[in-house]
N, C-alpha and C. Protein backbone atom coordinates (compact mmCIF):
# COMPACT_ATOMS: atom_id res chain seq x y z
N MET A 1 -11.15 -14.60 15.02
CA MET A 1 -11.40 -13.69 13.92
C MET A 1 -10.25 -12.69 13.75
N LYS A 2 -9.78 -12.14 14.89
CA LYS A 2 -8.70 -11.17 14.80
C LYS A 2 -7.41 -11.83 14.33
N THR A 3 -7.20 -13.09 14.72
CA THR A 3 -6.00 -13.80 14.26
C THR A 3 -6.04 -14.02 12.76
N ALA A 4 -7.19 -14.43 12.25
CA ALA A 4 -7.33 -14.61 10.79
C ALA A 4 -7.10 -13.29 10.07
N SER A 5 -7.66 -12.23 10.60
CA SER A 5 -7.49 -10.91 10.01
C SER A 5 -6.02 -10.51 9.97
N LEU A 6 -5.31 -10.83 11.04
CA LEU A 6 -3.89 -10.52 11.11
C LEU A 6 -3.11 -11.26 10.02
N TYR A 7 -3.36 -12.55 9.87
CA TYR A 7 -2.65 -13.32 8.86
C TYR A 7 -3.01 -12.89 7.45
N ILE A 8 -4.26 -12.57 7.23
CA ILE A 8 -4.68 -12.08 5.91
C ILE A 8 -3.97 -10.77 5.60
N MET A 9 -3.92 -9.89 6.59
CA MET A 9 -3.25 -8.60 6.40
C MET A 9 -1.76 -8.79 6.11
N ALA A 10 -1.11 -9.65 6.87
CA ALA A 10 0.32 -9.89 6.67
C ALA A 10 0.58 -10.44 5.26
N ILE A 11 -0.19 -11.42 4.86
CA ILE A 11 -0.03 -12.00 3.52
C ILE A 11 -0.30 -10.96 2.45
N PHE A 12 -1.33 -10.15 2.65
CA PHE A 12 -1.68 -9.10 1.71
C PHE A 12 -0.48 -8.18 1.46
N TYR A 13 0.18 -7.72 2.53
CA TYR A 13 1.30 -6.79 2.37
C TYR A 13 2.55 -7.48 1.83
N ILE A 14 2.78 -8.70 2.21
CA ILE A 14 3.93 -9.42 1.67
C ILE A 14 3.77 -9.63 0.17
N VAL A 15 2.60 -10.08 -0.25
CA VAL A 15 2.33 -10.29 -1.69
C VAL A 15 2.39 -8.97 -2.44
N ALA A 16 1.77 -7.93 -1.87
CA ALA A 16 1.78 -6.61 -2.52
C ALA A 16 3.22 -6.11 -2.65
N GLY A 17 4.02 -6.34 -1.64
CA GLY A 17 5.42 -5.92 -1.70
C GLY A 17 6.18 -6.61 -2.81
N PHE A 18 6.01 -7.91 -2.93
CA PHE A 18 6.68 -8.64 -4.02
C PHE A 18 6.18 -8.18 -5.38
N ASN A 19 4.92 -7.77 -5.44
CA ASN A 19 4.37 -7.30 -6.71
C ASN A 19 5.10 -6.04 -7.21
N HIS A 20 5.69 -5.26 -6.31
CA HIS A 20 6.46 -4.09 -6.72
C HIS A 20 7.68 -4.49 -7.56
N PHE A 21 8.18 -5.70 -7.34
CA PHE A 21 9.33 -6.19 -8.08
C PHE A 21 8.92 -6.97 -9.33
N ILE A 22 7.75 -7.58 -9.27
CA ILE A 22 7.24 -8.36 -10.41
C ILE A 22 6.66 -7.43 -11.47
N ARG A 23 5.92 -6.41 -11.04
CA ARG A 23 5.26 -5.48 -11.97
C ARG A 23 5.56 -4.03 -11.62
N PRO A 24 6.84 -3.63 -11.61
CA PRO A 24 7.16 -2.25 -11.23
C PRO A 24 6.53 -1.21 -12.17
N GLY A 25 6.30 -1.59 -13.42
CA GLY A 25 5.71 -0.66 -14.37
C GLY A 25 4.36 -0.14 -13.94
N PHE A 26 3.56 -0.99 -13.32
CA PHE A 26 2.25 -0.57 -12.82
C PHE A 26 2.40 0.58 -11.84
N TYR A 27 3.33 0.43 -10.92
CA TYR A 27 3.53 1.44 -9.88
C TYR A 27 4.20 2.69 -10.44
N LEU A 28 5.08 2.51 -11.40
CA LEU A 28 5.74 3.66 -12.00
C LEU A 28 4.74 4.57 -12.71
N LYS A 29 3.71 3.97 -13.29
CA LYS A 29 2.69 4.75 -14.01
C LYS A 29 1.87 5.63 -13.08
N ILE A 30 1.78 5.29 -11.82
CA ILE A 30 0.94 6.07 -10.91
C ILE A 30 1.75 6.95 -9.97
N MET A 31 3.03 7.07 -10.23
CA MET A 31 3.86 7.95 -9.42
C MET A 31 3.56 9.41 -9.76
N PRO A 32 3.31 10.23 -8.75
CA PRO A 32 3.07 11.64 -9.02
C PRO A 32 4.29 12.27 -9.72
N PRO A 33 4.06 13.08 -10.73
CA PRO A 33 5.18 13.65 -11.49
C PRO A 33 6.08 14.57 -10.66
N TRP A 34 5.58 15.11 -9.57
CA TRP A 34 6.38 16.02 -8.75
C TRP A 34 7.38 15.29 -7.86
N LEU A 35 7.26 13.98 -7.80
CA LEU A 35 8.25 13.19 -7.04
C LEU A 35 9.41 12.81 -7.96
N HIS A 36 10.57 12.63 -7.38
CA HIS A 36 11.75 12.19 -8.12
C HIS A 36 12.07 10.76 -7.70
N TYR A 37 12.96 10.12 -8.43
CA TYR A 37 13.43 8.77 -8.10
C TYR A 37 12.29 7.76 -8.04
N HIS A 38 11.45 7.76 -9.06
CA HIS A 38 10.27 6.90 -9.07
C HIS A 38 10.59 5.43 -8.84
N LEU A 39 11.55 4.90 -9.58
CA LEU A 39 11.85 3.47 -9.44
C LEU A 39 12.33 3.17 -8.03
N GLN A 40 13.18 4.01 -7.48
CA GLN A 40 13.68 3.78 -6.13
C GLN A 40 12.54 3.80 -5.11
N ILE A 41 11.60 4.71 -5.28
CA ILE A 41 10.46 4.79 -4.36
C ILE A 41 9.61 3.53 -4.47
N VAL A 42 9.39 3.07 -5.70
CA VAL A 42 8.60 1.85 -5.90
C VAL A 42 9.27 0.67 -5.22
N LEU A 43 10.57 0.54 -5.41
CA LEU A 43 11.29 -0.59 -4.83
C LEU A 43 11.35 -0.51 -3.30
N VAL A 44 11.61 0.67 -2.78
CA VAL A 44 11.67 0.83 -1.32
C VAL A 44 10.30 0.57 -0.69
N SER A 45 9.24 1.06 -1.32
CA SER A 45 7.91 0.80 -0.76
C SER A 45 7.58 -0.69 -0.81
N GLY A 46 8.04 -1.38 -1.85
CA GLY A 46 7.85 -2.83 -1.92
C GLY A 46 8.60 -3.55 -0.81
N ILE A 47 9.84 -3.14 -0.58
CA ILE A 47 10.64 -3.73 0.50
C ILE A 47 9.97 -3.49 1.85
N LEU A 48 9.49 -2.25 2.04
CA LEU A 48 8.81 -1.93 3.30
C LEU A 48 7.56 -2.77 3.50
N GLU A 49 6.79 -2.96 2.45
CA GLU A 49 5.57 -3.77 2.57
C GLU A 49 5.92 -5.21 2.95
N ILE A 50 6.95 -5.76 2.35
CA ILE A 50 7.37 -7.13 2.68
C ILE A 50 7.82 -7.21 4.13
N ILE A 51 8.71 -6.30 4.53
CA ILE A 51 9.24 -6.32 5.90
C ILE A 51 8.13 -6.11 6.92
N LEU A 52 7.29 -5.11 6.69
CA LEU A 52 6.22 -4.83 7.65
C LEU A 52 5.21 -5.97 7.71
N GLY A 53 4.93 -6.59 6.57
CA GLY A 53 4.03 -7.75 6.55
C GLY A 53 4.59 -8.90 7.37
N VAL A 54 5.88 -9.15 7.25
CA VAL A 54 6.51 -10.22 8.04
C VAL A 54 6.51 -9.85 9.52
N LEU A 55 6.85 -8.60 9.83
CA LEU A 55 6.91 -8.17 11.23
C LEU A 55 5.54 -8.21 11.92
N LEU A 56 4.47 -8.12 11.15
CA LEU A 56 3.13 -8.24 11.73
C LEU A 56 2.90 -9.61 12.37
N LEU A 57 3.59 -10.60 11.86
CA LEU A 57 3.36 -11.97 12.30
C LEU A 57 3.90 -12.27 13.70
N PHE A 58 4.76 -11.40 14.21
CA PHE A 58 5.41 -11.66 15.49
C PHE A 58 4.96 -10.65 16.54
N GLU A 59 4.51 -11.15 17.65
CA GLU A 59 3.97 -10.30 18.72
C GLU A 59 4.92 -9.15 19.11
N PRO A 60 6.22 -9.41 19.30
CA PRO A 60 7.10 -8.31 19.74
C PRO A 60 7.22 -7.17 18.71
N THR A 61 7.01 -7.45 17.44
CA THR A 61 7.18 -6.43 16.41
C THR A 61 5.85 -5.98 15.78
N ARG A 62 4.76 -6.55 16.23
CA ARG A 62 3.45 -6.29 15.62
C ARG A 62 3.04 -4.82 15.72
N ASN A 63 3.21 -4.20 16.87
CA ASN A 63 2.83 -2.80 17.05
C ASN A 63 3.63 -1.90 16.11
N PHE A 64 4.94 -2.12 16.06
CA PHE A 64 5.81 -1.35 15.16
C PHE A 64 5.37 -1.53 13.71
N ALA A 65 5.11 -2.77 13.31
CA ALA A 65 4.70 -3.06 11.94
C ALA A 65 3.37 -2.40 11.60
N ALA A 66 2.42 -2.46 12.52
CA ALA A 66 1.11 -1.86 12.27
C ALA A 66 1.22 -0.35 12.10
N TRP A 67 2.01 0.30 12.96
CA TRP A 67 2.22 1.74 12.80
C TRP A 67 2.98 2.05 11.51
N GLY A 68 3.91 1.18 11.14
CA GLY A 68 4.63 1.36 9.88
C GLY A 68 3.71 1.27 8.68
N ILE A 69 2.80 0.31 8.70
CA ILE A 69 1.82 0.16 7.61
C ILE A 69 0.89 1.37 7.59
N PHE A 70 0.47 1.81 8.76
CA PHE A 70 -0.37 3.00 8.89
C PHE A 70 0.30 4.19 8.19
N ALA A 71 1.59 4.41 8.52
CA ALA A 71 2.34 5.52 7.92
C ALA A 71 2.55 5.32 6.42
N LEU A 72 2.85 4.10 6.02
CA LEU A 72 3.09 3.82 4.60
C LEU A 72 1.83 4.08 3.78
N LEU A 73 0.69 3.70 4.30
CA LEU A 73 -0.57 3.93 3.59
C LEU A 73 -0.84 5.43 3.39
N ILE A 74 -0.47 6.22 4.37
CA ILE A 74 -0.61 7.67 4.23
C ILE A 74 0.39 8.19 3.20
N ALA A 75 1.61 7.66 3.24
CA ALA A 75 2.65 8.12 2.33
C ALA A 75 2.34 7.79 0.87
N ILE A 76 1.68 6.68 0.62
CA ILE A 76 1.41 6.29 -0.77
C ILE A 76 0.08 6.84 -1.29
N PHE A 77 -0.65 7.54 -0.44
CA PHE A 77 -1.94 8.08 -0.87
C PHE A 77 -1.83 8.98 -2.11
N PRO A 78 -0.78 9.81 -2.24
CA PRO A 78 -0.67 10.61 -3.47
C PRO A 78 -0.61 9.77 -4.75
N ALA A 79 -0.07 8.57 -4.67
CA ALA A 79 -0.04 7.69 -5.85
C ALA A 79 -1.45 7.25 -6.22
N ASN A 80 -2.29 7.01 -5.23
CA ASN A 80 -3.68 6.64 -5.51
C ASN A 80 -4.43 7.80 -6.15
N ILE A 81 -4.15 9.01 -5.69
CA ILE A 81 -4.77 10.19 -6.31
C ILE A 81 -4.27 10.34 -7.74
N GLN A 82 -2.96 10.14 -7.94
CA GLN A 82 -2.40 10.25 -9.29
C GLN A 82 -3.00 9.20 -10.22
N MET A 83 -3.22 8.00 -9.72
CA MET A 83 -3.84 6.95 -10.52
C MET A 83 -5.23 7.39 -10.97
N MET A 84 -6.00 7.96 -10.04
CA MET A 84 -7.34 8.43 -10.38
C MET A 84 -7.26 9.53 -11.44
N LEU A 85 -6.33 10.46 -11.28
CA LEU A 85 -6.18 11.54 -12.25
C LEU A 85 -5.76 11.00 -13.62
N ASN A 86 -4.84 10.05 -13.63
CA ASN A 86 -4.41 9.44 -14.89
C ASN A 86 -5.58 8.76 -15.59
N PHE A 87 -6.35 8.00 -14.84
CA PHE A 87 -7.50 7.30 -15.42
C PHE A 87 -8.54 8.30 -15.95
N LYS A 88 -8.75 9.37 -15.21
CA LYS A 88 -9.70 10.40 -15.63
C LYS A 88 -9.23 11.06 -16.93
N ASN A 89 -7.95 11.42 -16.97
CA ASN A 89 -7.39 12.12 -18.13
C ASN A 89 -7.35 11.25 -19.39
N THR A 90 -7.24 9.95 -19.21
CA THR A 90 -7.18 9.05 -20.37
C THR A 90 -8.51 8.37 -20.65
N HIS A 91 -9.53 8.78 -19.91
CA HIS A 91 -10.88 8.22 -20.06
C HIS A 91 -10.88 6.70 -19.90
N ASN A 92 -10.05 6.23 -18.97
CA ASN A 92 -9.94 4.81 -18.68
C ASN A 92 -11.26 4.32 -18.08
N HIS A 93 -11.80 3.23 -18.62
CA HIS A 93 -13.08 2.73 -18.13
C HIS A 93 -12.99 2.12 -16.72
N TYR A 94 -11.80 2.04 -16.17
CA TYR A 94 -11.63 1.58 -14.79
C TYR A 94 -11.47 2.75 -13.83
N LEU A 95 -11.88 3.92 -14.24
CA LEU A 95 -11.82 5.10 -13.36
C LEU A 95 -12.54 4.82 -12.05
N TRP A 96 -13.65 4.12 -12.11
CA TRP A 96 -14.42 3.82 -10.90
C TRP A 96 -13.58 3.04 -9.89
N VAL A 97 -12.68 2.18 -10.37
CA VAL A 97 -11.81 1.41 -9.46
C VAL A 97 -10.84 2.36 -8.78
N ALA A 98 -10.27 3.27 -9.55
CA ALA A 98 -9.33 4.24 -8.98
C ALA A 98 -10.02 5.14 -7.96
N ILE A 99 -11.26 5.49 -8.22
CA ILE A 99 -12.01 6.32 -7.27
C ILE A 99 -12.30 5.52 -6.00
N LEU A 100 -12.66 4.25 -6.14
CA LEU A 100 -12.93 3.41 -4.96
C LEU A 100 -11.69 3.17 -4.10
N ARG A 101 -10.52 3.23 -4.73
CA ARG A 101 -9.28 3.02 -3.97
C ARG A 101 -9.07 4.10 -2.93
N LEU A 102 -9.59 5.29 -3.17
CA LEU A 102 -9.35 6.39 -2.24
C LEU A 102 -9.97 6.13 -0.87
N PRO A 103 -11.29 5.85 -0.78
CA PRO A 103 -11.83 5.54 0.55
C PRO A 103 -11.35 4.17 1.07
N LEU A 104 -11.02 3.27 0.17
CA LEU A 104 -10.49 1.98 0.59
C LEU A 104 -9.21 2.17 1.41
N GLN A 105 -8.44 3.19 1.06
CA GLN A 105 -7.21 3.49 1.80
C GLN A 105 -7.53 3.75 3.27
N LEU A 106 -8.65 4.41 3.53
CA LEU A 106 -9.06 4.66 4.92
C LEU A 106 -9.40 3.36 5.63
N VAL A 107 -10.02 2.43 4.92
CA VAL A 107 -10.33 1.11 5.50
C VAL A 107 -9.04 0.38 5.84
N LEU A 108 -8.06 0.44 4.94
CA LEU A 108 -6.78 -0.23 5.19
C LEU A 108 -6.04 0.41 6.36
N ILE A 109 -6.12 1.73 6.47
CA ILE A 109 -5.50 2.43 7.60
C ILE A 109 -6.16 1.99 8.90
N ARG A 110 -7.46 1.90 8.91
CA ARG A 110 -8.19 1.45 10.10
C ARG A 110 -7.82 0.01 10.45
N TRP A 111 -7.68 -0.81 9.44
CA TRP A 111 -7.31 -2.21 9.64
C TRP A 111 -5.94 -2.28 10.33
N ALA A 112 -4.98 -1.50 9.84
CA ALA A 112 -3.64 -1.49 10.46
C ALA A 112 -3.73 -1.00 11.90
N TRP A 113 -4.56 0.02 12.12
CA TRP A 113 -4.69 0.60 13.46
C TRP A 113 -5.18 -0.44 14.47
N LEU A 114 -5.97 -1.39 14.01
CA LEU A 114 -6.48 -2.43 14.92
C LEU A 114 -5.37 -3.23 15.59
N PHE A 115 -4.19 -3.26 14.98
CA PHE A 115 -3.10 -4.06 15.51
C PHE A 115 -2.03 -3.21 16.21
N THR A 116 -2.36 -1.93 16.44
CA THR A 116 -1.46 -1.10 17.24
C THR A 116 -1.87 -1.22 18.70
N ASN A 117 -0.94 -0.97 19.58
CA ASN A 117 -1.25 -1.03 21.03
C ASN A 117 -1.55 0.36 21.55
């Protein structure tokens, strides 16, 4: 079960990372306005997700990757808050999805923590 969870997690982050390059506009829309260099942050976070997802697959780098994902999830939390605020301000009918993403972030952080030593 833990092995399957590991592979699912790795694939999840690798695919999510590539999505930053396929659909950067989605991520640019949820960047907090107080941050600068939005495109660079989107691209770097995508690169990090890909690298950390790959590093999860190898025992010697798994602990580092899991802690990196843990930190990345905390770092991108303001974007999830911004997404919720954007949806609220525009009366987007998917506001409930943006609200659910907030506690989901805690689940993802816990999931990453499972693979730390």
